Amino acid sequence: MFEKIAYFFAEILPAIRSKPKQEFGTKIRLKMDNSTQSLTLEQQANQAVFAMQVKQMSREQLQDLAIQMNEALMIQKNSYSELLKKQWGI
């Protein structure tokens, strides 16, 4: 765990800080697959930590994670659809 924290402060935090100065909580624009997505600084830090964890996983762990994430995305989509249906009275 200490290695992850040290890596975060040595590598990730300076990379985040090197981006254009913005207030905490504001969004930084990132280019992803021809569309522009926004992540807050906190989300960027969380993503960097997640990336470090994923790089240390075995193939089987990654497959399980991918299955769980796909299921979570489908549940999220269904939740949004149900919420919109209720709001629109459908």
PDB file of N, CA and C in Angstrom:
ATOM      1  N   MET A   1       0.814  -1.188   0.000  1.00  0.00           N
ATOM      2  CA  MET A   1       0.000   0.000   0.000  1.00  0.00           C
ATOM      3  C   MET A   1       0.866   1.263   0.000  1.00  0.00           C
ATOM      4  N   PHE A   2       1.934   1.243   0.782  1.00  0.00           N
ATOM      5  CA  PHE A   2       2.819   2.401   0.845  1.00  0.00           C
ATOM      6  C   PHE A   2       3.394   2.719  -0.531  1.00  0.00           C
ATOM      7  N   GLU A   3       3.696   1.680  -1.314  1.00  0.00           N
ATOM      8  CA  GLU A   3       4.243   1.898  -2.650  1.00  0.00           C
ATOM      9  C   GLU A   3       3.251   2.649  -3.539  1.00  0.00           C
ATOM     10  N   LYS A   4       1.956   2.305  -3.408  1.00  0.00           N
ATOM     11  CA  LYS A   4       0.927   2.967  -4.210  1.00  0.00           C
ATOM     12  C   LYS A   4       0.819   4.442  -3.830  1.00  0.00           C
ATOM     13  N   ILE A   5       0.864   4.713  -2.533  1.00  0.00           N
ATOM     14  CA  ILE A   5       0.776   6.096  -2.081  1.00  0.00           C
ATOM     15  C   ILE A   5       1.991   6.884  -2.548  1.00  0.00           C
ATOM     16  N   ALA A   6       3.179   6.262  -2.416  1.00  0.00           N
ATOM     17  CA  ALA A   6       4.405   6.927  -2.853  1.00  0.00           C
ATOM     18  C   ALA A   6       4.369   7.182  -4.355  1.00  0.00           C
ATOM     19  N   TYR A   7       3.897   6.198  -5.123  1.00  0.00           N
ATOM     20  CA  TYR A   7       3.787   6.351  -6.575  1.00  0.00           C
ATOM     21  C   TYR A   7       2.829   7.485  -6.915  1.00  0.00           C
ATOM     22  N   PHE A   8       1.696   7.546  -6.193  1.00  0.00           N
ATOM     23  CA  PHE A   8       0.724   8.601  -6.447  1.00  0.00           C
ATOM     24  C   PHE A   8       1.351   9.973  -6.272  1.00  0.00           C
ATOM     25  N   PHE A   9       2.069  10.171  -5.145  1.00  0.00           N
ATOM     26  CA  PHE A   9       2.652  11.478  -4.881  1.00  0.00           C
ATOM     27  C   PHE A   9       3.857  11.771  -5.780  1.00  0.00           C
ATOM     28  N   ALA A  10       4.575  10.740  -6.204  1.00  0.00           N
ATOM     29  CA  ALA A  10       5.763  10.953  -7.025  1.00  0.00           C
ATOM     30  C   ALA A  10       5.433  11.107  -8.509  1.00  0.00           C
ATOM     31  N   GLU A  11       4.439  10.379  -8.994  1.00  0.00           N
ATOM     32  CA  GLU A  11       4.172  10.349 -10.432  1.00  0.00           C
ATOM     33  C   GLU A  11       2.848  10.998 -10.828  1.00  0.00           C
ATOM     34  N   ILE A  12       1.795  10.636 -10.157  1.00  0.00           N
ATOM     35  CA  ILE A  12       0.465  11.042 -10.603  1.00  0.00           C
ATOM     36  C   ILE A  12       0.141  12.474 -10.216  1.00  0.00           C
ATOM     37  N   LEU A  13       0.355  12.818  -8.979  1.00  0.00           N
ATOM     38  CA  LEU A  13       0.042  14.173  -8.532  1.00  0.00           C
ATOM     39  C   LEU A  13       0.790  15.233  -9.333  1.00  0.00           C
ATOM     40  N   PRO A  14       2.107  15.072  -9.585  1.00  0.00           N
ATOM     41  CA  PRO A  14       2.784  16.079 -10.425  1.00  0.00           C
ATOM     42  C   PRO A  14       2.196  16.158 -11.834  1.00  0.00           C
ATOM     43  N   ALA A  15       1.767  15.025 -12.384  1.00  0.00           N
ATOM     44  CA  ALA A  15       1.172  15.034 -13.718  1.00  0.00           C
ATOM     45  C   ALA A  15      -0.142  15.805 -13.723  1.00  0.00           C
ATOM     46  N   ILE A  16      -0.934  15.613 -12.669  1.00  0.00           N
ATOM     47  CA  ILE A  16      -2.198  16.341 -12.569  1.00  0.00           C
ATOM     48  C   ILE A  16      -1.929  17.829 -12.387  1.00  0.00           C
ATOM     49  N   ARG A  17      -0.956  18.149 -11.563  1.00  0.00           N
ATOM     50  CA  ARG A  17      -0.639  19.553 -11.303  1.00  0.00           C
ATOM     51  C   ARG A  17      -0.056  20.252 -12.516  1.00  0.00           C
ATOM     52  N   SER A  18       0.547  19.499 -13.433  1.00  0.00           N
ATOM     53  CA  SER A  18       1.157  20.116 -14.600  1.00  0.00           C
ATOM     54  C   SER A  18       0.108  20.549 -15.625  1.00  0.00           C
ATOM     55  N   LYS A  19      -1.125  20.102 -15.439  1.00  0.00           N
ATOM     56  CA  LYS A  19      -2.199  20.518 -16.331  1.00  0.00           C
ATOM     57  C   LYS A  19      -2.480  21.994 -16.096  1.00  0.00           C
ATOM     58  N   PRO A  20      -3.196  22.653 -16.994  1.00  0.00           N
ATOM     59  CA  PRO A  20      -3.508  24.070 -16.787  1.00  0.00           C
ATOM     60  C   PRO A  20      -4.146  24.291 -15.424  1.00  0.00           C
ATOM     61  N   LYS A  21      -3.758  25.375 -14.773  1.00  0.00           N
ATOM     62  CA  LYS A  21      -4.273  25.652 -13.423  1.00  0.00           C
ATOM     63  C   LYS A  21      -5.773  25.894 -13.495  1.00  0.00           C
ATOM     64  N   GLN A  22      -6.471  25.218 -12.612  1.00  0.00           N
ATOM     65  CA  GLN A  22      -7.904  25.386 -12.504  1.00  0.00           C
ATOM     66  C   GLN A  22      -8.279  25.244 -11.037  1.00  0.00           C
ATOM     67  N   GLU A  23      -9.414  25.781 -10.665  1.00  0.00           N
ATOM     68  CA  GLU A  23      -9.862  25.672  -9.292  1.00  0.00           C
ATOM     69  C   GLU A  23     -10.262  24.233  -9.001  1.00  0.00           C
ATOM     70  N   PHE A  24     -10.158  23.844  -7.724  1.00  0.00           N
ATOM     71  CA  PHE A  24     -10.557  22.502  -7.326  1.00  0.00           C
ATOM     72  C   PHE A  24     -12.012  22.271  -7.697  1.00  0.00           C
ATOM     73  N   GLY A  25     -12.290  21.123  -8.252  1.00  0.00           N
ATOM     74  CA  GLY A  25     -13.657  20.777  -8.614  1.00  0.00           C
ATOM     75  C   GLY A  25     -14.051  21.201 -10.012  1.00  0.00           C
ATOM     76  N   THR A  26     -13.251  22.017 -10.673  1.00  0.00           N
ATOM     77  CA  THR A  26     -13.573  22.374 -12.052  1.00  0.00           C
ATOM     78  C   THR A  26     -13.170  21.232 -12.960  1.00  0.00           C
ATOM     79  N   LYS A  27     -13.658  21.264 -14.155  1.00  0.00           N
ATOM     80  CA  LYS A  27     -13.425  20.145 -15.062  1.00  0.00           C
ATOM     81  C   LYS A  27     -12.278  20.431 -16.018  1.00  0.00           C
ATOM     82  N   ILE A  28     -11.520  19.392 -16.317  1.00  0.00           N
ATOM     83  CA  ILE A  28     -10.458  19.463 -17.306  1.00  0.00           C
ATOM     84  C   ILE A  28     -10.916  18.636 -18.503  1.00  0.00           C
ATOM     85  N   ARG A  29     -10.807  19.195 -19.663  1.00  0.00           N
ATOM     86  CA  ARG A  29     -11.272  18.517 -20.868  1.00  0.00           C
ATOM     87  C   ARG A  29     -10.251  17.486 -21.315  1.00  0.00           C
ATOM     88  N   LEU A  30     -10.718  16.290 -21.600  1.00  0.00           N
ATOM     89  CA  LEU A  30      -9.875  15.211 -22.091  1.00  0.00           C
ATOM     90  C   LEU A  30     -10.433  14.719 -23.418  1.00  0.00           C
ATOM     91  N   LYS A  31      -9.554  14.431 -24.368  1.00  0.00           N
ATOM     92  CA  LYS A  31      -9.980  13.898 -25.651  1.00  0.00           C
ATOM     93  C   LYS A  31     -10.044  12.385 -25.552  1.00  0.00           C
ATOM     94  N   MET A  32     -11.185  11.806 -25.898  1.00  0.00           N
ATOM     95  CA  MET A  32     -11.354  10.359 -25.867  1.00  0.00           C
ATOM     96  C   MET A  32     -12.200   9.952 -27.067  1.00  0.00           C
ATOM     97  N   ASP A  33     -11.631   9.170 -27.964  1.00  0.00           N
ATOM     98  CA  ASP A  33     -12.360   8.622 -29.105  1.00  0.00           C
ATOM     99  C   ASP A  33     -13.191   9.669 -29.852  1.00  0.00           C
ATOM    100  N   ASN A  34     -12.565  10.728 -30.263  1.00  0.00           N
ATOM    101  CA  ASN A  34     -13.205  11.789 -31.051  1.00  0.00           C
ATOM    102  C   ASN A  34     -14.309  12.541 -30.320  1.00  0.00           C
ATOM    103  N   SER A  35     -14.517  12.276 -29.042  1.00  0.00           N
ATOM    104  CA  SER A  35     -15.495  13.049 -28.281  1.00  0.00           C
ATOM    105  C   SER A  35     -14.795  13.613 -27.052  1.00  0.00           C
ATOM    106  N   THR A  36     -15.308  14.704 -26.543  1.00  0.00           N
ATOM    107  CA  THR A  36     -14.684  15.347 -25.396  1.00  0.00           C
ATOM    108  C   THR A  36     -15.428  14.949 -24.134  1.00  0.00           C
ATOM    109  N   GLN A  37     -14.698  14.425 -23.169  1.00  0.00           N
ATOM    110  CA  GLN A  37     -15.256  14.040 -21.879  1.00  0.00           C
ATOM    111  C   GLN A  37     -14.614  14.906 -20.811  1.00  0.00           C
ATOM    112  N   SER A  38     -15.288  15.063 -19.691  1.00  0.00           N
ATOM    113  CA  SER A  38     -14.763  15.884 -18.614  1.00  0.00           C
ATOM    114  C   SER A  38     -14.608  15.061 -17.353  1.00  0.00           C
ATOM    115  N   LEU A  39     -13.477  15.224 -16.686  1.00  0.00           N
ATOM    116  CA  LEU A  39     -13.234  14.603 -15.388  1.00  0.00           C
ATOM    117  C   LEU A  39     -12.743  15.681 -14.438  1.00  0.00           C
ATOM    118  N   THR A  40     -13.233  15.640 -13.210  1.00  0.00           N
ATOM    119  CA  THR A  40     -12.718  16.563 -12.206  1.00  0.00           C
ATOM    120  C   THR A  40     -11.328  16.084 -11.808  1.00  0.00           C
ATOM    121  N   LEU A  41     -10.603  16.934 -11.098  1.00  0.00           N
ATOM    122  CA  LEU A  41      -9.277  16.529 -10.619  1.00  0.00           C
ATOM    123  C   LEU A  41      -9.377  15.307  -9.715  1.00  0.00           C
ATOM    124  N   GLU A  42     -10.396  15.269  -8.878  1.00  0.00           N
ATOM    125  CA  GLU A  42     -10.590  14.120  -7.997  1.00  0.00           C
ATOM    126  C   GLU A  42     -10.827  12.850  -8.805  1.00  0.00           C
ATOM    127  N   GLN A  43     -11.638  12.943  -9.853  1.00  0.00           N
ATOM    128  CA  GLN A  43     -11.897  11.786 -10.701  1.00  0.00           C
ATOM    129  C   GLN A  43     -10.630  11.346 -11.433  1.00  0.00           C
ATOM    130  N   GLN A  44      -9.817  12.299 -11.867  1.00  0.00           N
ATOM    131  CA  GLN A  44      -8.557  11.951 -12.521  1.00  0.00           C
ATOM    132  C   GLN A  44      -7.653  11.189 -11.560  1.00  0.00           C
ATOM    133  N   ALA A  45      -7.594  11.635 -10.303  1.00  0.00           N
ATOM    134  CA  ALA A  45      -6.775  10.948  -9.307  1.00  0.00           C
ATOM    135  C   ALA A  45      -7.314   9.542  -9.056  1.00  0.00           C
ATOM    136  N   ASN A  46      -8.632   9.414  -8.927  1.00  0.00           N
ATOM    137  CA  ASN A  46      -9.242   8.094  -8.727  1.00  0.00           C
ATOM    138  C   ASN A  46      -8.963   7.179  -9.918  1.00  0.00           C
ATOM    139  N   GLN A  47      -9.038   7.736 -11.113  1.00  0.00           N
ATOM    140  CA  GLN A  47      -8.763   6.946 -12.324  1.00  0.00           C
ATOM    141  C   GLN A  47      -7.322   6.477 -12.348  1.00  0.00           C
ATOM    142  N   ALA A  48      -6.404   7.332 -11.953  1.00  0.00           N
ATOM    143  CA  ALA A  48      -4.983   6.959 -11.934  1.00  0.00           C
ATOM    144  C   ALA A  48      -4.723   5.847 -10.926  1.00  0.00           C
ATOM    145  N   VAL A  49      -5.341   5.938  -9.747  1.00  0.00           N
ATOM    146  CA  VAL A  49      -5.186   4.888  -8.740  1.00  0.00           C
ATOM    147  C   VAL A  49      -5.787   3.583  -9.254  1.00  0.00           C
ATOM    148  N   PHE A  50      -6.961   3.662  -9.882  1.00  0.00           N
ATOM    149  CA  PHE A  50      -7.603   2.473 -10.450  1.00  0.00           C
ATOM    150  C   PHE A  50      -6.706   1.839 -11.512  1.00  0.00           C
ATOM    151  N   ALA A  51      -6.102   2.661 -12.352  1.00  0.00           N
ATOM    152  CA  ALA A  51      -5.204   2.147 -13.397  1.00  0.00           C
ATOM    153  C   ALA A  51      -4.023   1.407 -12.785  1.00  0.00           C
ATOM    154  N   MET A  52      -3.482   1.939 -11.704  1.00  0.00           N
ATOM    155  CA  MET A  52      -2.367   1.254 -11.031  1.00  0.00           C
ATOM    156  C   MET A  52      -2.818  -0.111 -10.510  1.00  0.00           C
ATOM    157  N   GLN A  53      -3.995  -0.170  -9.925  1.00  0.00           N
ATOM    158  CA  GLN A  53      -4.504  -1.422  -9.384  1.00  0.00           C
ATOM    159  C   GLN A  53      -4.752  -2.437 -10.494  1.00  0.00           C
ATOM    160  N   VAL A  54      -5.323  -1.990 -11.608  1.00  0.00           N
ATOM    161  CA  VAL A  54      -5.619  -2.881 -12.724  1.00  0.00           C
ATOM    162  C   VAL A  54      -4.337  -3.479 -13.300  1.00  0.00           C
ATOM    163  N   LYS A  55      -3.296  -2.677 -13.388  1.00  0.00           N
ATOM    164  CA  LYS A  55      -2.031  -3.163 -13.942  1.00  0.00           C
ATOM    165  C   LYS A  55      -1.417  -4.280 -13.104  1.00  0.00           C
ATOM    166  N   GLN A  56      -1.826  -4.388 -11.849  1.00  0.00           N
ATOM    167  CA  GLN A  56      -1.276  -5.424 -10.976  1.00  0.00           C
ATOM    168  C   GLN A  56      -2.168  -6.666 -10.909  1.00  0.00           C
ATOM    169  N   MET A  57      -3.288  -6.680 -11.624  1.00  0.00           N
ATOM    170  CA  MET A  57      -4.221  -7.802 -11.573  1.00  0.00           C
ATOM    171  C   MET A  57      -3.816  -8.907 -12.535  1.00  0.00           C
ATOM    172  N   SER A  58      -4.243 -10.116 -12.187  1.00  0.00           N
ATOM    173  CA  SER A  58      -4.026 -11.259 -13.072  1.00  0.00           C
ATOM    174  C   SER A  58      -5.072 -11.225 -14.181  1.00  0.00           C
ATOM    175  N   ARG A  59      -4.877 -12.061 -15.189  1.00  0.00           N
ATOM    176  CA  ARG A  59      -5.821 -12.141 -16.300  1.00  0.00           C
ATOM    177  C   ARG A  59      -7.214 -12.544 -15.802  1.00  0.00           C
ATOM    178  N   GLU A  60      -7.276 -13.511 -14.909  1.00  0.00           N
ATOM    179  CA  GLU A  60      -8.559 -13.971 -14.372  1.00  0.00           C
ATOM    180  C   GLU A  60      -9.255 -12.858 -13.582  1.00  0.00           C
ATOM    181  N   GLN A  61      -8.496 -12.125 -12.786  1.00  0.00           N
ATOM    182  CA  GLN A  61      -9.072 -11.007 -12.036  1.00  0.00           C
ATOM    183  C   GLN A  61      -9.606  -9.939 -12.980  1.00  0.00           C
ATOM    184  N   LEU A  62      -8.878  -9.674 -14.063  1.00  0.00           N
ATOM    185  CA  LEU A  62      -9.318  -8.675 -15.036  1.00  0.00           C
ATOM    186  C   LEU A  62     -10.595  -9.110 -15.742  1.00  0.00           C
ATOM    187  N   GLN A  63     -10.684 -10.391 -16.063  1.00  0.00           N
ATOM    188  CA  GLN A  63     -11.899 -10.899 -16.699  1.00  0.00           C
ATOM    189  C   GLN A  63     -13.102 -10.760 -15.764  1.00  0.00           C
ATOM    190  N   ASP A  64     -12.927 -11.116 -14.500  1.00  0.00           N
ATOM    191  CA  ASP A  64     -14.003 -10.964 -13.519  1.00  0.00           C
ATOM    192  C   ASP A  64     -14.408  -9.502 -13.374  1.00  0.00           C
ATOM    193  N   LEU A  65     -13.421  -8.619 -13.323  1.00  0.00           N
ATOM    194  CA  LEU A  65     -13.694  -7.187 -13.200  1.00  0.00           C
ATOM    195  C   LEU A  65     -14.473  -6.679 -14.408  1.00  0.00           C
ATOM    196  N   ALA A  66     -14.072  -7.099 -15.601  1.00  0.00           N
ATOM    197  CA  ALA A  66     -14.760  -6.665 -16.825  1.00  0.00           C
ATOM    198  C   ALA A  66     -16.220  -7.114 -16.818  1.00  0.00           C
ATOM    199  N   ILE A  67     -16.467  -8.332 -16.368  1.00  0.00           N
ATOM    200  CA  ILE A  67     -17.841  -8.850 -16.301  1.00  0.00           C
ATOM    201  C   ILE A  67     -18.657  -8.051 -15.292  1.00  0.00           C
ATOM    202  N   GLN A  68     -18.068  -7.778 -14.124  1.00  0.00           N
ATOM    203  CA  GLN A  68     -18.767  -7.010 -13.093  1.00  0.00           C
ATOM    204  C   GLN A  68     -19.043  -5.584 -13.556  1.00  0.00           C
ATOM    205  N   MET A  69     -18.073  -4.966 -14.229  1.00  0.00           N
ATOM    206  CA  MET A  69     -18.253  -3.591 -14.703  1.00  0.00           C
ATOM    207  C   MET A  69     -19.319  -3.524 -15.792  1.00  0.00           C
ATOM    208  N   ASN A  70     -19.350  -4.513 -16.682  1.00  0.00           N
ATOM    209  CA  ASN A  70     -20.362  -4.541 -17.735  1.00  0.00           C
ATOM    210  C   ASN A  70     -21.752  -4.666 -17.118  1.00  0.00           C
ATOM    211  N   GLU A  71     -21.885  -5.541 -16.113  1.00  0.00           N
ATOM    212  CA  GLU A  71     -23.167  -5.694 -15.436  1.00  0.00           C
ATOM    213  C   GLU A  71     -23.585  -4.393 -14.747  1.00  0.00           C
ATOM    214  N   ALA A  72     -22.625  -3.733 -14.086  1.00  0.00           N
ATOM    215  CA  ALA A  72     -22.919  -2.469 -13.400  1.00  0.00           C
ATOM    216  C   ALA A  72     -23.372  -1.401 -14.395  1.00  0.00           C
ATOM    217  N   LEU A  73     -22.745  -1.347 -15.570  1.00  0.00           N
ATOM    218  CA  LEU A  73     -23.143  -0.373 -16.593  1.00  0.00           C
ATOM    219  C   LEU A  73     -24.552  -0.649 -17.111  1.00  0.00           C
ATOM    220  N   MET A  74     -24.893  -1.927 -17.286  1.00  0.00           N
ATOM    221  CA  MET A  74     -26.234  -2.268 -17.746  1.00  0.00           C
ATOM    222  C   MET A  74     -27.275  -1.905 -16.691  1.00  0.00           C
ATOM    223  N   ILE A  75     -26.969  -2.168 -15.407  1.00  0.00           N
ATOM    224  CA  ILE A  75     -27.889  -1.802 -14.330  1.00  0.00           C
ATOM    225  C   ILE A  75     -28.057  -0.288 -14.282  1.00  0.00           C
ATOM    226  N   GLN A  76     -26.957   0.442 -14.441  1.00  0.00           N
ATOM    227  CA  GLN A  76     -27.027   1.902 -14.445  1.00  0.00           C
ATOM    228  C   GLN A  76     -27.915   2.393 -15.593  1.00  0.00           C
ATOM    229  N   LYS A  77     -27.734   1.819 -16.772  1.00  0.00           N
ATOM    230  CA  LYS A  77     -28.543   2.213 -17.929  1.00  0.00           C
ATOM    231  C   LYS A  77     -30.017   1.941 -17.660  1.00  0.00           C
ATOM    232  N   ASN A  78     -30.318   0.767 -17.094  1.00  0.00           N
ATOM    233  CA  ASN A  78     -31.708   0.434 -16.777  1.00  0.00           C
ATOM    234  C   ASN A  78     -32.283   1.402 -15.748  1.00  0.00           C
ATOM    235  N   SER A  79     -31.481   1.775 -14.765  1.00  0.00           N
ATOM    236  CA  SER A  79     -31.938   2.716 -13.731  1.00  0.00           C
ATOM    237  C   SER A  79     -32.264   4.068 -14.344  1.00  0.00           C
ATOM    238  N   TYR A  80     -31.393   4.561 -15.218  1.00  0.00           N
ATOM    239  CA  TYR A  80     -31.649   5.831 -15.893  1.00  0.00           C
ATOM    240  C   TYR A  80     -32.908   5.749 -16.751  1.00  0.00           C
ATOM    241  N   SER A  81     -33.084   4.637 -17.456  1.00  0.00           N
ATOM    242  CA  SER A  81     -34.270   4.466 -18.298  1.00  0.00           C
ATOM    243  C   SER A  81     -35.539   4.479 -17.463  1.00  0.00           C
ATOM    244  N   GLU A  82     -35.539   3.771 -16.334  1.00  0.00           N
ATOM    245  CA  GLU A  82     -36.703   3.753 -15.457  1.00  0.00           C
ATOM    246  C   GLU A  82     -36.991   5.122 -14.877  1.00  0.00           C
ATOM    247  N   LEU A  83     -35.942   5.828 -14.485  1.00  0.00           N
ATOM    248  CA  LEU A  83     -36.114   7.181 -13.943  1.00  0.00           C
ATOM    249  C   LEU A  83     -36.733   8.104 -14.984  1.00  0.00           C
ATOM    250  N   LEU A  84     -36.244   8.037 -16.222  1.00  0.00           N
ATOM    251  CA  LEU A  84     -36.803   8.883 -17.286  1.00  0.00           C
ATOM    252  C   LEU A  84     -38.242   8.515 -17.588  1.00  0.00           C
ATOM    253  N   LYS A  85     -38.543   7.223 -17.597  1.00  0.00           N
ATOM    254  CA  LYS A  85     -39.923   6.795 -17.854  1.00  0.00           C
ATOM    255  C   LYS A  85     -40.872   7.345 -16.785  1.00  0.00           C
ATOM    256  N   LYS A  86     -40.433   7.301 -15.515  1.00  0.00           N
ATOM    257  CA  LYS A  86     -41.262   7.832 -14.437  1.00  0.00           C
ATOM    258  C   LYS A  86     -41.431   9.340 -14.576  1.00  0.00           C
ATOM    259  N   GLN A  87     -40.349  10.041 -14.897  1.00  0.00           N
ATOM    260  CA  GLN A  87     -40.409  11.493 -15.041  1.00  0.00           C
ATOM    261  C   GLN A  87     -41.302  11.909 -16.208  1.00  0.00           C
ATOM    262  N   TRP A  88     -41.250  11.139 -17.286  1.00  0.00           N
ATOM    263  CA  TRP A  88     -42.025  11.475 -18.477  1.00  0.00           C
ATOM    264  C   TRP A  88     -43.437  10.865 -18.451  1.00  0.00           C
ATOM    265  N   GLY A  89     -43.715  10.056 -17.430  1.00  0.00           N
ATOM    266  CA  GLY A  89     -45.039   9.441 -17.316  1.00  0.00           C
ATOM    267  C   GLY A  89     -45.307   8.386 -18.370  1.00  0.00           C
ATOM    268  N   ILE A  90     -44.271   7.677 -18.747  1.00  0.00           N
ATOM    269  CA  ILE A  90     -44.423   6.632 -19.780  1.00  0.00           C
ATOM    270  C   ILE A  90     -44.685   5.306 -19.116  1.00  0.00           C
TER     271      ILE A  90
END
